[in-house]
C-alpha atoms as a PDB file:
ATOM      1  CA  MET A   1     -26.945 -26.816 -31.912  1.00  0.00           C
ATOM      2  CA  ASN A   2     -27.082 -27.149 -28.135  1.00  0.00           C
ATOM      3  CA  ARG A   3     -29.589 -24.582 -26.884  1.00  0.00           C
ATOM      4  CA  GLY A   4     -28.187 -24.687 -23.383  1.00  0.00           C
ATOM      5  CA  PRO A   5     -30.637 -24.614 -20.480  1.00  0.00           C
ATOM      6  CA  SER A   6     -33.462 -22.970 -22.410  1.00  0.00           C
ATOM      7  CA  ALA A   7     -35.405 -22.823 -25.650  1.00  0.00           C
ATOM      8  CA  ALA A   8     -35.888 -19.098 -25.034  1.00  0.00           C
ATOM      9  CA  SER A   9     -33.713 -16.758 -27.087  1.00  0.00           C
ATOM     10  CA  VAL A  10     -30.884 -15.055 -25.202  1.00  0.00           C
ATOM     11  CA  SER A  11     -29.296 -11.654 -25.841  1.00  0.00           C
ATOM     12  CA  VAL A  12     -26.052 -10.629 -24.133  1.00  0.00           C
ATOM     13  CA  VAL A  13     -25.430  -6.902 -23.724  1.00  0.00           C
ATOM     14  CA  VAL A  14     -21.818  -5.787 -23.289  1.00  0.00           C
ATOM     15  CA  PRO A  15     -21.152  -2.091 -22.544  1.00  0.00           C
ATOM     16  CA  ALA A  16     -17.599  -1.180 -23.553  1.00  0.00           C
ATOM     17  CA  LEU A  17     -15.321   1.850 -23.531  1.00  0.00           C
ATOM     18  CA  ASN A  18     -11.755   1.242 -24.747  1.00  0.00           C
ATOM     19  CA  GLU A  19     -11.808  -2.484 -23.987  1.00  0.00           C
ATOM     20  CA  ALA A  20     -10.106  -3.817 -27.148  1.00  0.00           C
ATOM     21  CA  ASP A  21      -7.486  -5.748 -25.157  1.00  0.00           C
ATOM     22  CA  ASN A  22     -10.087  -7.430 -22.937  1.00  0.00           C
ATOM     23  CA  LEU A  23     -12.706  -8.452 -25.482  1.00  0.00           C
ATOM     24  CA  PRO A  24     -10.878 -11.576 -26.770  1.00  0.00           C
ATOM     25  CA  HIS A  25     -10.945 -12.959 -23.218  1.00  0.00           C
ATOM     26  CA  VAL A  26     -14.575 -11.938 -22.639  1.00  0.00           C
ATOM     27  CA  PHE A  27     -15.961 -13.270 -25.908  1.00  0.00           C
ATOM     28  CA  ALA A  28     -14.105 -16.576 -25.465  1.00  0.00           C
ATOM     29  CA  THR A  29     -16.244 -17.295 -22.384  1.00  0.00           C
ATOM     30  CA  LEU A  30     -19.615 -16.753 -24.094  1.00  0.00           C
ATOM     31  CA  PRO A  31     -21.649 -19.941 -24.664  1.00  0.00           C
ATOM     32  CA  ALA A  32     -22.135 -21.015 -28.264  1.00  0.00           C
ATOM     33  CA  TRP A  33     -25.910 -21.252 -27.790  1.00  0.00           C
ATOM     34  CA  ILE A  34     -26.626 -17.561 -27.106  1.00  0.00           C
ATOM     35  CA  ASP A  35     -28.586 -15.900 -29.895  1.00  0.00           C
ATOM     36  CA  GLU A  36     -27.059 -12.442 -30.105  1.00  0.00           C
ATOM     37  CA  VAL A  37     -24.326 -10.296 -28.645  1.00  0.00           C
ATOM     38  CA  ILE A  38     -24.825  -6.543 -28.513  1.00  0.00           C
ATOM     39  CA  LEU A  39     -21.757  -4.397 -27.963  1.00  0.00           C
ATOM     40  CA  VAL A  40     -22.659  -0.912 -26.743  1.00  0.00           C
ATOM     41  CA  ASP A  41     -19.678   1.250 -27.595  1.00  0.00           C
ATOM     42  CA  GLY A  42     -19.139   4.391 -25.544  1.00  0.00           C
ATOM     43  CA  ASN A  43     -17.316   6.114 -28.424  1.00  0.00           C
ATOM     44  CA  SER A  44     -14.067   4.244 -27.807  1.00  0.00           C
ATOM     45  CA  THR A  45     -10.819   5.722 -29.055  1.00  0.00           C
ATOM     46  CA  ASP A  46      -9.107   2.343 -29.424  1.00  0.00           C
ATOM     47  CA  ASP A  47     -10.030  -0.616 -31.660  1.00  0.00           C
ATOM     48  CA  THR A  48     -12.867  -1.881 -29.446  1.00  0.00           C
ATOM     49  CA  VAL A  49     -15.449  -2.116 -32.231  1.00  0.00           C
ATOM     50  CA  ALA A  50     -13.076  -3.523 -34.850  1.00  0.00           C
ATOM     51  CA  VAL A  51     -11.762  -6.179 -32.468  1.00  0.00           C
ATOM     52  CA  ALA A  52     -15.279  -7.145 -31.425  1.00  0.00           C
ATOM     53  CA  GLN A  53     -16.476  -7.458 -35.016  1.00  0.00           C
ATOM     54  CA  ARG A  54     -13.460  -9.540 -35.941  1.00  0.00           C
ATOM     55  CA  LEU A  55     -14.060 -11.874 -33.025  1.00  0.00           C
ATOM     56  CA  ARG A  56     -17.782 -12.165 -33.661  1.00  0.00           C
ATOM     57  CA  PRO A  57     -18.955 -11.335 -37.203  1.00  0.00           C
ATOM     58  CA  ASP A  58     -22.615 -11.630 -36.146  1.00  0.00           C
ATOM     59  CA  LEU A  59     -22.129  -8.912 -33.516  1.00  0.00           C
ATOM     60  CA  ARG A  60     -24.612  -6.054 -33.282  1.00  0.00           C
ATOM     61  CA  VAL A  61     -23.035  -2.694 -32.408  1.00  0.00           C
ATOM     62  CA  VAL A  62     -24.914   0.135 -30.708  1.00  0.00           C
ATOM     63  CA  THR A  63     -23.142   3.475 -30.383  1.00  0.00           C
ATOM     64  CA  GLN A  64     -23.921   5.237 -27.138  1.00  0.00           C
ATOM     65  CA  THR A  65     -25.732   8.561 -27.417  1.00  0.00           C
ATOM     66  CA  ARG A  66     -24.705   9.840 -23.972  1.00  0.00           C
ATOM     67  CA  ARG A  67     -22.144   8.823 -21.345  1.00  0.00           C
ATOM     68  CA  GLY A  68     -22.071   6.320 -18.502  1.00  0.00           C
ATOM     69  CA  LYS A  69     -22.646   2.626 -17.927  1.00  0.00           C
ATOM     70  CA  GLY A  70     -26.329   3.126 -17.172  1.00  0.00           C
ATOM     71  CA  ASN A  71     -26.979   4.811 -20.482  1.00  0.00           C
ATOM     72  CA  ALA A  72     -24.998   2.118 -22.299  1.00  0.00           C
ATOM     73  CA  LEU A  73     -27.053  -0.648 -20.716  1.00  0.00           C
ATOM     74  CA  THR A  74     -30.439   0.964 -21.301  1.00  0.00           C
ATOM     75  CA  GLU A  75     -29.599   1.531 -24.967  1.00  0.00           C
ATOM     76  CA  GLY A  76     -28.353  -2.032 -25.293  1.00  0.00           C
ATOM     77  CA  PHE A  77     -31.471  -3.396 -23.595  1.00  0.00           C
ATOM     78  CA  ALA A  78     -33.678  -1.414 -25.974  1.00  0.00           C
ATOM     79  CA  ALA A  79     -31.883  -2.943 -28.961  1.00  0.00           C
ATOM     80  CA  ALA A  80     -31.985  -6.534 -27.688  1.00  0.00           C
ATOM     81  CA  LYS A  81     -34.288  -8.973 -29.486  1.00  0.00           C
ATOM     82  CA  GLY A  82     -34.006 -11.963 -27.155  1.00  0.00           C
ATOM     83  CA  ASP A  83     -36.583 -13.254 -24.685  1.00  0.00           C
ATOM     84  CA  ILE A  84     -33.865 -13.113 -22.026  1.00  0.00           C
ATOM     85  CA  ILE A  85     -31.339 -10.310 -21.612  1.00  0.00           C
ATOM     86  CA  VAL A  86     -28.024 -10.866 -19.861  1.00  0.00           C
ATOM     87  CA  MET A  87     -25.672  -8.006 -18.913  1.00  0.00           C
ATOM     88  CA  ILE A  88     -21.950  -8.634 -18.528  1.00  0.00           C
ATOM     89  CA  ASP A  89     -18.878  -6.411 -18.303  1.00  0.00           C
ATOM     90  CA  ALA A  90     -16.253  -5.989 -21.006  1.00  0.00           C
ATOM     91  CA  ASP A  91     -13.249  -5.935 -18.667  1.00  0.00           C
ATOM     92  CA  GLY A  92     -13.054  -9.671 -18.031  1.00  0.00           C
ATOM     93  CA  SER A  93     -14.418  -9.466 -14.488  1.00  0.00           C
ATOM     94  CA  THR A  94     -17.628 -11.353 -15.291  1.00  0.00           C
ATOM     95  CA  ASP A  95     -17.386 -14.895 -16.616  1.00  0.00           C
ATOM     96  CA  GLY A  96     -19.597 -15.738 -19.578  1.00  0.00           C
ATOM     97  CA  HIS A  97     -19.539 -19.402 -18.588  1.00  0.00           C
ATOM     98  CA  GLU A  98     -21.907 -18.457 -15.753  1.00  0.00           C
ATOM     99  CA  ILE A  99     -24.628 -17.291 -18.154  1.00  0.00           C
ATOM    100  CA  ALA A 100     -26.171 -20.767 -18.059  1.00  0.00           C
ATOM    101  CA  LEU A 101     -26.759 -20.398 -14.292  1.00  0.00           C
ATOM    102  CA  PHE A 102     -28.602 -17.100 -14.782  1.00  0.00           C
ATOM    103  CA  VAL A 103     -30.723 -18.455 -17.622  1.00  0.00           C
ATOM    104  CA  LYS A 104     -31.598 -21.560 -15.612  1.00  0.00           C
ATOM    105  CA  ALA A 105     -32.781 -19.397 -12.697  1.00  0.00           C
ATOM    106  CA  LEU A 106     -35.125 -17.580 -15.078  1.00  0.00           C
ATOM    107  CA  ILE A 107     -36.398 -20.763 -16.700  1.00  0.00           C
ATOM    108  CA  ASP A 108     -37.031 -22.201 -13.247  1.00  0.00           C
ATOM    109  CA  GLY A 109     -39.397 -19.366 -12.393  1.00  0.00           C
ATOM    110  CA  ALA A 110     -37.484 -16.174 -11.639  1.00  0.00           C
ATOM    111  CA  ASP A 111     -38.278 -12.897 -13.369  1.00  0.00           C
ATOM    112  CA  PHE A 112     -34.908 -11.376 -12.487  1.00  0.00           C
ATOM    113  CA  ALA A 113     -31.674 -13.308 -11.834  1.00  0.00           C
ATOM    114  CA  LYS A 114     -29.273 -11.277  -9.741  1.00  0.00           C
ATOM    115  CA  GLY A 115     -25.592 -12.125  -9.459  1.00  0.00           C
ATOM    116  CA  SER A 116     -24.063 -12.236  -5.991  1.00  0.00           C
ATOM    117  CA  ARG A 117     -20.458 -12.526  -4.861  1.00  0.00           C
ATOM    118  CA  TYR A 118     -21.568 -13.226  -1.278  1.00  0.00           C
ATOM    119  CA  VAL A 119     -23.687 -16.370  -1.575  1.00  0.00           C
ATOM    120  CA  GLU A 120     -22.205 -19.865  -1.473  1.00  0.00           C
ATOM    121  CA  GLY A 121     -20.310 -20.474  -4.700  1.00  0.00           C
ATOM    122  CA  GLY A 122     -19.668 -16.781  -5.320  1.00  0.00           C
ATOM    123  CA  GLY A 123     -16.607 -14.678  -4.605  1.00  0.00           C
ATOM    124  CA  SER A 124     -14.371 -11.885  -5.828  1.00  0.00           C
ATOM    125  CA  ASP A 125     -10.726 -11.475  -6.771  1.00  0.00           C
ATOM    126  CA  ASP A 126     -11.169  -7.756  -7.193  1.00  0.00           C
ATOM    127  CA  ILE A 127     -13.304  -6.028  -4.555  1.00  0.00           C
ATOM    128  CA  SER A 128     -11.370  -3.975  -2.008  1.00  0.00           C
ATOM    129  CA  PRO A 129     -12.207  -3.955   1.719  1.00  0.00           C
ATOM    130  CA  ILE A 130     -13.548  -0.385   1.451  1.00  0.00           C
ATOM    131  CA  ARG A 131     -15.778  -1.200  -1.514  1.00  0.00           C
ATOM    132  CA  SER A 132     -16.954  -4.393   0.173  1.00  0.00           C
ATOM    133  CA  LEU A 133     -17.881  -2.499   3.342  1.00  0.00           C
ATOM    134  CA  GLY A 134     -19.709   0.182   1.370  1.00  0.00           C
ATOM    135  CA  ASN A 135     -21.587  -2.452  -0.617  1.00  0.00           C
ATOM    136  CA  ARG A 136     -22.673  -4.251   2.559  1.00  0.00           C
ATOM    137  CA  VAL A 137     -23.909  -0.994   4.119  1.00  0.00           C
ATOM    138  CA  LEU A 138     -25.842  -0.047   0.977  1.00  0.00           C
ATOM    139  CA  THR A 139     -27.256  -3.567   0.757  1.00  0.00           C
ATOM    140  CA  PHE A 140     -28.415  -3.375   4.387  1.00  0.00           C
ATOM    141  CA  ILE A 141     -30.118  -0.016   3.770  1.00  0.00           C
ATOM    142  CA  THR A 142     -31.890  -1.350   0.688  1.00  0.00           C
ATOM    143  CA  ASN A 143     -33.074  -4.488   2.455  1.00  0.00           C
ATOM    144  CA  SER A 144     -34.346  -2.402   5.375  1.00  0.00           C
ATOM    145  CA  LEU A 145     -36.263   0.024   3.159  1.00  0.00           C
ATOM    146  CA  TYR A 146     -37.680  -2.375   0.590  1.00  0.00           C
ATOM    147  CA  GLY A 147     -38.061  -5.660   2.463  1.00  0.00           C
ATOM    148  CA  THR A 148     -35.607  -7.426   0.160  1.00  0.00           C
ATOM    149  CA  SER A 149     -33.027 -10.005   1.213  1.00  0.00           C
ATOM    150  CA  TYR A 150     -30.196  -9.134  -1.152  1.00  0.00           C
ATOM    151  CA  THR A 151     -26.648 -10.136  -0.282  1.00  0.00           C
ATOM    152  CA  ASP A 152     -24.890  -8.058  -2.959  1.00  0.00           C
ATOM    153  CA  LEU A 153     -26.486  -4.818  -4.135  1.00  0.00           C
ATOM    154  CA  CYS A 154     -23.684  -3.337  -6.235  1.00  0.00           C
ATOM    155  CA  TYR A 155     -22.833  -6.055  -8.739  1.00  0.00           C
ATOM    156  CA  GLY A 156     -23.385  -5.739 -12.456  1.00  0.00           C
ATOM    157  CA  TYR A 157     -23.963  -9.336 -13.526  1.00  0.00           C
ATOM    158  CA  ASN A 158     -27.715  -9.793 -13.952  1.00  0.00           C
ATOM    159  CA  ALA A 159     -30.249 -11.355 -16.303  1.00  0.00           C
ATOM    160  CA  PHE A 160     -33.973 -10.899 -16.742  1.00  0.00           C
ATOM    161  CA  TRP A 161     -36.905 -11.599 -19.016  1.00  0.00           C
ATOM    162  CA  ALA A 162     -37.093  -8.804 -21.586  1.00  0.00           C
ATOM    163  CA  ARG A 163     -40.831  -8.447 -20.984  1.00  0.00           C
ATOM    164  CA  HIS A 164     -40.044  -6.841 -17.606  1.00  0.00           C
ATOM    165  CA  LEU A 165     -38.065  -3.920 -19.027  1.00  0.00           C
ATOM    166  CA  ASP A 166     -41.063  -1.602 -18.867  1.00  0.00           C
ATOM    167  CA  ALA A 167     -41.640  -2.452 -15.198  1.00  0.00           C
ATOM    168  CA  MET A 168     -38.106  -1.312 -14.347  1.00  0.00           C
ATOM    169  CA  ALA A 169     -38.336   1.860 -16.493  1.00  0.00           C
ATOM    170  CA  LEU A 170     -34.593   2.452 -16.322  1.00  0.00           C
ATOM    171  CA  ASP A 171     -33.533   6.082 -16.539  1.00  0.00           C
ATOM    172  CA  CYS A 172     -30.095   6.497 -14.913  1.00  0.00           C
ATOM    173  CA  ASP A 173     -26.817   7.011 -16.759  1.00  0.00           C
ATOM    174  CA  GLY A 174     -24.202   6.027 -14.179  1.00  0.00           C
ATOM    175  CA  PHE A 175     -23.024   2.993 -12.204  1.00  0.00           C
ATOM    176  CA  GLU A 176     -26.107   3.330  -9.990  1.00  0.00           C
ATOM    177  CA  ILE A 177     -28.068   1.622 -12.770  1.00  0.00           C
ATOM    178  CA  GLU A 178     -27.487  -1.747 -11.078  1.00  0.00           C
ATOM    179  CA  THR A 179     -29.013  -0.511  -7.835  1.00  0.00           C
ATOM    180  CA  LEU A 180     -31.913   1.058  -9.701  1.00  0.00           C
ATOM    181  CA  MET A 181     -32.654  -2.268 -11.409  1.00  0.00           C
ATOM    182  CA  ASN A 182     -32.587  -4.134  -8.110  1.00  0.00           C
ATOM    183  CA  VAL A 183     -34.834  -1.630  -6.353  1.00  0.00           C
ATOM    184  CA  ARG A 184     -37.375  -1.277  -9.148  1.00  0.00           C
ATOM    185  CA  ALA A 185     -37.520  -5.039  -9.730  1.00  0.00           C
ATOM    186  CA  ALA A 186     -38.429  -5.414  -6.056  1.00  0.00           C
ATOM    187  CA  LYS A 187     -40.950  -2.559  -6.157  1.00  0.00           C
ATOM    188  CA  ALA A 188     -42.581  -4.127  -9.228  1.00  0.00           C
ATOM    189  CA  GLY A 189     -43.044  -7.403  -7.365  1.00  0.00           C
ATOM    190  CA  LEU A 190     -40.801  -9.401  -9.689  1.00  0.00           C
ATOM    191  CA  VAL A 191     -39.594 -12.812  -8.549  1.00  0.00           C
ATOM    192  CA  ILE A 192     -35.893 -12.318  -7.847  1.00  0.00           C
ATOM    193  CA  ARG A 193     -33.325 -15.087  -7.423  1.00  0.00           C
ATOM    194  CA  GLU A 194     -29.697 -14.560  -6.493  1.00  0.00           C
ATOM    195  CA  VAL A 195     -27.152 -16.520  -8.531  1.00  0.00           C
ATOM    196  CA  PRO A 196     -23.637 -17.225  -7.229  1.00  0.00           C
ATOM    197  CA  SER A 197     -20.997 -15.469  -9.309  1.00  0.00           C
ATOM    198  CA  HIS A 198     -17.235 -15.187  -9.011  1.00  0.00           C
ATOM    199  CA  GLU A 199     -15.857 -11.796  -9.962  1.00  0.00           C
ATOM    200  CA  ARG A 200     -12.426 -11.783 -11.590  1.00  0.00           C
ATOM    201  CA  SER A 201      -9.986  -8.901 -11.622  1.00  0.00           C
ATOM    202  CA  ARG A 202      -9.999  -6.600 -14.626  1.00  0.00           C
ATOM    203  CA  ILE A 203      -7.552  -8.041 -17.169  1.00  0.00           C
ATOM    204  CA  HIS A 204      -6.243  -4.863 -18.816  1.00  0.00           C
ATOM    205  CA  GLY A 205      -6.724  -1.152 -18.192  1.00  0.00           C
ATOM    206  CA  GLU A 206      -8.215   0.766 -15.295  1.00  0.00           C
ATOM    207  CA  SER A 207     -11.763   0.813 -13.980  1.00  0.00           C
ATOM    208  CA  ASN A 208     -13.974   3.870 -14.422  1.00  0.00           C
ATOM    209  CA  LEU A 209     -15.589   3.145 -11.035  1.00  0.00           C
ATOM    210  CA  HIS A 210     -14.919   5.660  -8.247  1.00  0.00           C
ATOM    211  CA  ALA A 211     -15.938   4.143  -4.901  1.00  0.00           C
ATOM    212  CA  VAL A 212     -16.876   7.328  -3.018  1.00  0.00           C
ATOM    213  CA  ARG A 213     -18.487   9.223  -5.877  1.00  0.00           C
ATOM    214  CA  ASP A 214     -20.434   6.266  -7.220  1.00  0.00           C
ATOM    215  CA  GLY A 215     -21.312   5.017  -3.739  1.00  0.00           C
ATOM    216  CA  TRP A 216     -22.878   8.408  -3.027  1.00  0.00           C
ATOM    217  CA  ARG A 217     -24.871   8.194  -6.255  1.00  0.00           C
ATOM    218  CA  VAL A 218     -26.099   4.734  -5.253  1.00  0.00           C
ATOM    219  CA  LEU A 219     -27.193   5.989  -1.839  1.00  0.00           C
ATOM    220  CA  LYS A 220     -29.075   8.907  -3.400  1.00  0.00           C
ATOM    221  CA  THR A 221     -30.786   6.503  -5.785  1.00  0.00           C
ATOM    222  CA  ILE A 222     -31.910   4.269  -2.901  1.00  0.00           C
ATOM    223  CA  TRP A 223     -33.438   7.201  -1.002  1.00  0.00           C
ATOM    224  CA  ARG A 224     -34.919   8.799  -4.104  1.00  0.00           C
ATOM    225  CA  GLU A 225     -36.725   5.611  -5.062  1.00  0.00           C
ATOM    226  CA  ARG A 226     -38.102   5.334  -1.548  1.00  0.00           C
ATOM    227  CA  GLY A 227     -39.313   8.919  -1.828  1.00  0.00           C
ATOM    228  CA  LYS A 228     -41.024   8.110  -5.105  1.00  0.00           C
ATOM    229  CA  ALA A 229     -42.912   5.266  -3.476  1.00  0.00           C
ATOM    230  CA  VAL A 230     -44.147   7.586  -0.726  1.00  0.00           C
ATOM    231  CA  SER A 231     -44.932  10.254  -3.304  1.00  0.00           C
ATOM    232  CA  VAL A 232     -47.101   7.908  -5.325  1.00  0.00           C
ATOM    233  CA  LEU A 233     -49.038   6.977  -2.209  1.00  0.00           C
ATOM    234  CA  ASN A 234     -49.584  10.673  -1.495  1.00  0.00           C
ATOM    235  CA  GLY A 235     -50.530  11.458  -5.080  1.00  0.00           C
ATOM    236  CA  ASP A 236     -47.477  13.688  -5.563  1.00  0.00           C
ATOM    237  CA  MET A 237     -44.724  13.769  -8.192  1.00  0.00           C
ATOM    238  CA  LEU A 238     -40.964  13.736  -7.699  1.00  0.00           C
ATOM    239  CA  ASP A 239     -38.172  14.330 -10.183  1.00  0.00           C
ATOM    240  CA  PRO A 240     -36.867  11.246 -11.979  1.00  0.00           C
ATOM    241  CA  CYS A 241     -33.467   9.737 -11.245  1.00  0.00           C
ATOM    242  CA  ILE A 242     -30.559  12.090 -11.880  1.00  0.00           C
ATOM    243  CA  THR A 243     -28.485  11.401 -14.949  1.00  0.00           C
ATOM    244  CA  GLN A 244     -25.586  13.822 -14.652  1.00  0.00           C
END
């Protein structure tokens, strides 16, 4: 079997809540050479799990213990057995064909491969002008505070070596999980490479993302992590990332 760009084993984590109609499209894009697919089900009320198992009999299903995309991802990451972990969305917005690009970036020396819609070769069919502006502002703040050179902070298509999970110590339940990963990867000194990615529009259903509410949570996460860094230098302790 073609192992793709790597001999390393690859796990794909897919958080899903009522995505039965989208999963046939999502799973059809996954490369044949990946080693496992983990569906993290947020207690769906439709046929999400049944559809996923029918499409992929070797699927591993993790049932979420709390709520939110962040919790779903951290529980999926904990269950993953691969050397490399890739996170994609279940709504059809992220293209599984691009997984090879992320894996190649890791094999070529990166610790963390970060998807970007704003580098050459990337793009989006979905992001609104307001969300794009908010993302650019939050990206600028993060780059200013942490010395990073990100072009796209709030995008959920990423891949990393599983051995770096402890360094990121993920502990957020909401959409801010992506920002937390980016900030903590930088703080841990991981080698980060941006990978061009084209975001598609959600195929069926409505997004659970709320631009203002979740943007505020992202901003609080950015400042809180900065405060933690200062606190460590001062020998103090701050509360961990909020999870409500």
